Amino acid sequence: MKNRLCSDVGLDCVAVVTAETVEEVLAQVAAHAQEVHGVRVTAEMAEEITEKISG
């Protein structure tokens, strides 16, 4: 499993996204960022997030 903490990208949030693949994590992170924080994930942000995905 791959995962990502929302707080790891600089947001004050305790959400954790977990999925089977990096692509699934990135899709869930982007949806969470838009829905909860009103932030649209750019290509640069996606690259940074992808580099920090653990699991």
PDB file of N, CA and C in Angstrom:
ATOM      1  N   MET A   1       0.842  -1.190   0.000  1.00  0.00           N
ATOM      2  CA  MET A   1       0.000   0.000   0.000  1.00  0.00           C
ATOM      3  C   MET A   1       0.878   1.241   0.000  1.00  0.00           C
ATOM      4  N   LYS A   2       0.418   2.244  -0.692  1.00  0.00           N
ATOM      5  CA  LYS A   2       1.071   3.548  -0.752  1.00  0.00           C
ATOM      6  C   LYS A   2       0.235   4.513   0.068  1.00  0.00           C
ATOM      7  N   ASN A   3       0.908   5.520   0.672  1.00  0.00           N
ATOM      8  CA  ASN A   3       0.126   6.501   1.417  1.00  0.00           C
ATOM      9  C   ASN A   3       0.783   7.870   1.403  1.00  0.00           C
ATOM     10  N   ARG A   4      -0.020   8.849   1.797  1.00  0.00           N
ATOM     11  CA  ARG A   4       0.427  10.239   1.815  1.00  0.00           C
ATOM     12  C   ARG A   4      -0.341  10.975   2.889  1.00  0.00           C
ATOM     13  N   LEU A   5       0.379  11.723   3.724  1.00  0.00           N
ATOM     14  CA  LEU A   5      -0.245  12.566   4.731  1.00  0.00           C
ATOM     15  C   LEU A   5      -0.504  13.941   4.133  1.00  0.00           C
ATOM     16  N   CYS A   6      -1.674  14.461   4.347  1.00  0.00           N
ATOM     17  CA  CYS A   6      -2.007  15.790   3.831  1.00  0.00           C
ATOM     18  C   CYS A   6      -1.069  16.837   4.432  1.00  0.00           C
ATOM     19  N   SER A   7      -0.761  16.689   5.702  1.00  0.00           N
ATOM     20  CA  SER A   7       0.108  17.657   6.370  1.00  0.00           C
ATOM     21  C   SER A   7       1.513  17.697   5.770  1.00  0.00           C
ATOM     22  N   ASP A   8       1.937  16.630   5.095  1.00  0.00           N
ATOM     23  CA  ASP A   8       3.267  16.590   4.494  1.00  0.00           C
ATOM     24  C   ASP A   8       3.417  17.544   3.309  1.00  0.00           C
ATOM     25  N   VAL A   9       2.310  18.029   2.787  1.00  0.00           N
ATOM     26  CA  VAL A   9       2.388  18.990   1.685  1.00  0.00           C
ATOM     27  C   VAL A   9       2.105  20.405   2.165  1.00  0.00           C
ATOM     28  N   GLY A  10       2.168  20.585   3.488  1.00  0.00           N
ATOM     29  CA  GLY A  10       2.082  21.922   4.033  1.00  0.00           C
ATOM     30  C   GLY A  10       0.720  22.386   4.476  1.00  0.00           C
ATOM     31  N   LEU A  11      -0.267  21.516   4.463  1.00  0.00           N
ATOM     32  CA  LEU A  11      -1.605  21.907   4.887  1.00  0.00           C
ATOM     33  C   LEU A  11      -1.842  21.461   6.327  1.00  0.00           C
ATOM     34  N   ASP A  12      -2.613  22.238   7.054  1.00  0.00           N
ATOM     35  CA  ASP A  12      -2.936  21.906   8.441  1.00  0.00           C
ATOM     36  C   ASP A  12      -4.108  20.930   8.423  1.00  0.00           C
ATOM     37  N   CYS A  13      -3.783  19.640   8.229  1.00  0.00           N
ATOM     38  CA  CYS A  13      -4.814  18.628   8.021  1.00  0.00           C
ATOM     39  C   CYS A  13      -4.270  17.272   8.460  1.00  0.00           C
ATOM     40  N   VAL A  14      -5.118  16.471   9.085  1.00  0.00           N
ATOM     41  CA  VAL A  14      -4.697  15.154   9.567  1.00  0.00           C
ATOM     42  C   VAL A  14      -5.079  14.015   8.616  1.00  0.00           C
ATOM     43  N   ALA A  15      -5.595  14.326   7.450  1.00  0.00           N
ATOM     44  CA  ALA A  15      -6.025  13.294   6.504  1.00  0.00           C
ATOM     45  C   ALA A  15      -4.839  12.475   6.012  1.00  0.00           C
ATOM     46  N   VAL A  16      -5.099  11.174   5.810  1.00  0.00           N
ATOM     47  CA  VAL A  16      -4.122  10.254   5.235  1.00  0.00           C
ATOM     48  C   VAL A  16      -4.799   9.567   4.059  1.00  0.00           C
ATOM     49  N   VAL A  17      -4.133   9.589   2.922  1.00  0.00           N
ATOM     50  CA  VAL A  17      -4.644   8.916   1.730  1.00  0.00           C
ATOM     51  C   VAL A  17      -3.846   7.636   1.542  1.00  0.00           C
ATOM     52  N   THR A  18      -4.547   6.514   1.362  1.00  0.00           N
ATOM     53  CA  THR A  18      -3.911   5.214   1.169  1.00  0.00           C
ATOM     54  C   THR A  18      -4.540   4.530  -0.036  1.00  0.00           C
ATOM     55  N   ALA A  19      -3.690   3.964  -0.897  1.00  0.00           N
ATOM     56  CA  ALA A  19      -4.184   3.249  -2.074  1.00  0.00           C
ATOM     57  C   ALA A  19      -3.119   2.251  -2.525  1.00  0.00           C
ATOM     58  N   GLU A  20      -3.454   1.440  -3.498  1.00  0.00           N
ATOM     59  CA  GLU A  20      -2.553   0.406  -4.005  1.00  0.00           C
ATOM     60  C   GLU A  20      -1.403   0.971  -4.837  1.00  0.00           C
ATOM     61  N   THR A  21      -1.668   2.027  -5.611  1.00  0.00           N
ATOM     62  CA  THR A  21      -0.646   2.552  -6.520  1.00  0.00           C
ATOM     63  C   THR A  21      -0.410   4.039  -6.280  1.00  0.00           C
ATOM     64  N   VAL A  22       0.725   4.503  -6.767  1.00  0.00           N
ATOM     65  CA  VAL A  22       1.056   5.924  -6.682  1.00  0.00           C
ATOM     66  C   VAL A  22       0.002   6.744  -7.419  1.00  0.00           C
ATOM     67  N   GLU A  23      -0.433   6.271  -8.565  1.00  0.00           N
ATOM     68  CA  GLU A  23      -1.421   6.995  -9.355  1.00  0.00           C
ATOM     69  C   GLU A  23      -2.739   7.155  -8.600  1.00  0.00           C
ATOM     70  N   GLU A  24      -3.157   6.094  -7.904  1.00  0.00           N
ATOM     71  CA  GLU A  24      -4.395   6.161  -7.126  1.00  0.00           C
ATOM     72  C   GLU A  24      -4.257   7.133  -5.959  1.00  0.00           C
ATOM     73  N   VAL A  25      -3.103   7.107  -5.296  1.00  0.00           N
ATOM     74  CA  VAL A  25      -2.873   8.047  -4.200  1.00  0.00           C
ATOM     75  C   VAL A  25      -2.926   9.467  -4.723  1.00  0.00           C
ATOM     76  N   LEU A  26      -2.248   9.729  -5.817  1.00  0.00           N
ATOM     77  CA  LEU A  26      -2.220  11.070  -6.389  1.00  0.00           C
ATOM     78  C   LEU A  26      -3.618  11.545  -6.768  1.00  0.00           C
ATOM     79  N   ALA A  27      -4.431  10.676  -7.344  1.00  0.00           N
ATOM     80  CA  ALA A  27      -5.802  11.035  -7.709  1.00  0.00           C
ATOM     81  C   ALA A  27      -6.622  11.374  -6.473  1.00  0.00           C
ATOM     82  N   GLN A  28      -6.465  10.584  -5.414  1.00  0.00           N
ATOM     83  CA  GLN A  28      -7.206  10.842  -4.174  1.00  0.00           C
ATOM     84  C   GLN A  28      -6.724  12.111  -3.487  1.00  0.00           C
ATOM     85  N   VAL A  29      -5.411  12.343  -3.512  1.00  0.00           N
ATOM     86  CA  VAL A  29      -4.855  13.574  -2.931  1.00  0.00           C
ATOM     87  C   VAL A  29      -5.403  14.787  -3.664  1.00  0.00           C
ATOM     88  N   ALA A  30      -5.432  14.723  -4.986  1.00  0.00           N
ATOM     89  CA  ALA A  30      -5.932  15.846  -5.780  1.00  0.00           C
ATOM     90  C   ALA A  30      -7.404  16.112  -5.476  1.00  0.00           C
ATOM     91  N   ALA A  31      -8.189  15.055  -5.378  1.00  0.00           N
ATOM     92  CA  ALA A  31      -9.617  15.221  -5.067  1.00  0.00           C
ATOM     93  C   ALA A  31      -9.791  15.803  -3.666  1.00  0.00           C
ATOM     94  N   HIS A  32      -9.039  15.309  -2.694  1.00  0.00           N
ATOM     95  CA  HIS A  32      -9.118  15.816  -1.321  1.00  0.00           C
ATOM     96  C   HIS A  32      -8.716  17.291  -1.266  1.00  0.00           C
ATOM     97  N   ALA A  33      -7.623  17.626  -1.922  1.00  0.00           N
ATOM     98  CA  ALA A  33      -7.137  19.008  -1.920  1.00  0.00           C
ATOM     99  C   ALA A  33      -8.196  19.958  -2.476  1.00  0.00           C
ATOM    100  N   GLN A  34      -8.846  19.554  -3.563  1.00  0.00           N
ATOM    101  CA  GLN A  34      -9.865  20.396  -4.186  1.00  0.00           C
ATOM    102  C   GLN A  34     -11.112  20.501  -3.313  1.00  0.00           C
ATOM    103  N   GLU A  35     -11.609  19.371  -2.854  1.00  0.00           N
ATOM    104  CA  GLU A  35     -12.871  19.341  -2.108  1.00  0.00           C
ATOM    105  C   GLU A  35     -12.760  19.945  -0.717  1.00  0.00           C
ATOM    106  N   VAL A  36     -11.684  19.653  -0.010  1.00  0.00           N
ATOM    107  CA  VAL A  36     -11.566  20.064   1.387  1.00  0.00           C
ATOM    108  C   VAL A  36     -10.845  21.399   1.549  1.00  0.00           C
ATOM    109  N   HIS A  37      -9.815  21.618   0.733  1.00  0.00           N
ATOM    110  CA  HIS A  37      -8.979  22.796   0.919  1.00  0.00           C
ATOM    111  C   HIS A  37      -9.138  23.848  -0.175  1.00  0.00           C
ATOM    112  N   GLY A  38      -9.886  23.531  -1.230  1.00  0.00           N
ATOM    113  CA  GLY A  38     -10.058  24.469  -2.334  1.00  0.00           C
ATOM    114  C   GLY A  38      -8.771  24.705  -3.110  1.00  0.00           C
ATOM    115  N   VAL A  39      -7.884  23.703  -3.082  1.00  0.00           N
ATOM    116  CA  VAL A  39      -6.591  23.815  -3.749  1.00  0.00           C
ATOM    117  C   VAL A  39      -6.578  22.900  -4.958  1.00  0.00           C
ATOM    118  N   ARG A  40      -6.207  23.459  -6.094  1.00  0.00           N
ATOM    119  CA  ARG A  40      -6.074  22.658  -7.312  1.00  0.00           C
ATOM    120  C   ARG A  40      -4.624  22.197  -7.422  1.00  0.00           C
ATOM    121  N   VAL A  41      -4.399  20.898  -7.559  1.00  0.00           N
ATOM    122  CA  VAL A  41      -3.047  20.338  -7.645  1.00  0.00           C
ATOM    123  C   VAL A  41      -2.492  20.594  -9.045  1.00  0.00           C
ATOM    124  N   THR A  42      -1.383  21.330  -9.096  1.00  0.00           N
ATOM    125  CA  THR A  42      -0.711  21.620 -10.361  1.00  0.00           C
ATOM    126  C   THR A  42       0.246  20.473 -10.704  1.00  0.00           C
ATOM    127  N   ALA A  43       0.793  20.514 -11.889  1.00  0.00           N
ATOM    128  CA  ALA A  43       1.760  19.494 -12.307  1.00  0.00           C
ATOM    129  C   ALA A  43       2.981  19.505 -11.394  1.00  0.00           C
ATOM    130  N   GLU A  44       3.423  20.696 -11.007  1.00  0.00           N
ATOM    131  CA  GLU A  44       4.576  20.802 -10.109  1.00  0.00           C
ATOM    132  C   GLU A  44       4.253  20.201  -8.748  1.00  0.00           C
ATOM    133  N   MET A  45       3.071  20.484  -8.222  1.00  0.00           N
ATOM    134  CA  MET A  45       2.651  19.927  -6.939  1.00  0.00           C
ATOM    135  C   MET A  45       2.547  18.411  -7.033  1.00  0.00           C
ATOM    136  N   ALA A  46       1.986  17.914  -8.128  1.00  0.00           N
ATOM    137  CA  ALA A  46       1.834  16.467  -8.320  1.00  0.00           C
ATOM    138  C   ALA A  46       3.191  15.779  -8.312  1.00  0.00           C
ATOM    139  N   GLU A  47       4.174  16.401  -8.921  1.00  0.00           N
ATOM    140  CA  GLU A  47       5.522  15.824  -8.944  1.00  0.00           C
ATOM    141  C   GLU A  47       6.098  15.761  -7.525  1.00  0.00           C
ATOM    142  N   GLU A  48       5.933  16.833  -6.770  1.00  0.00           N
ATOM    143  CA  GLU A  48       6.424  16.869  -5.391  1.00  0.00           C
ATOM    144  C   GLU A  48       5.709  15.830  -4.521  1.00  0.00           C
ATOM    145  N   ILE A  49       4.407  15.734  -4.683  1.00  0.00           N
ATOM    146  CA  ILE A  49       3.619  14.769  -3.920  1.00  0.00           C
ATOM    147  C   ILE A  49       4.060  13.345  -4.258  1.00  0.00           C
ATOM    148  N   THR A  50       4.235  13.068  -5.538  1.00  0.00           N
ATOM    149  CA  THR A  50       4.635  11.739  -5.983  1.00  0.00           C
ATOM    150  C   THR A  50       5.978  11.339  -5.389  1.00  0.00           C
ATOM    151  N   GLU A  51       6.898  12.274  -5.316  1.00  0.00           N
ATOM    152  CA  GLU A  51       8.226  11.983  -4.760  1.00  0.00           C
ATOM    153  C   GLU A  51       8.156  11.615  -3.289  1.00  0.00           C
ATOM    154  N   LYS A  52       7.120  12.079  -2.576  1.00  0.00           N
ATOM    155  CA  LYS A  52       7.017  11.870  -1.136  1.00  0.00           C
ATOM    156  C   LYS A  52       6.061  10.746  -0.747  1.00  0.00           C
ATOM    157  N   ILE A  53       5.463  10.083  -1.713  1.00  0.00           N
ATOM    158  CA  ILE A  53       4.552   8.983  -1.407  1.00  0.00           C
ATOM    159  C   ILE A  53       5.343   7.822  -0.831  1.00  0.00           C
ATOM    160  N   SER A  54       4.869   7.313   0.292  1.00  0.00           N
ATOM    161  CA  SER A  54       5.564   6.197   0.939  1.00  0.00           C
ATOM    162  C   SER A  54       4.744   4.929   0.841  1.00  0.00           C
ATOM    163  N   GLY A  55       5.389   3.847   1.111  1.00  0.00           N
ATOM    164  CA  GLY A  55       4.667   2.585   1.162  1.00  0.00           C
ATOM    165  C   GLY A  55       5.314   1.523   0.351  1.00  0.00           C
TER     166      GLY A  55
END
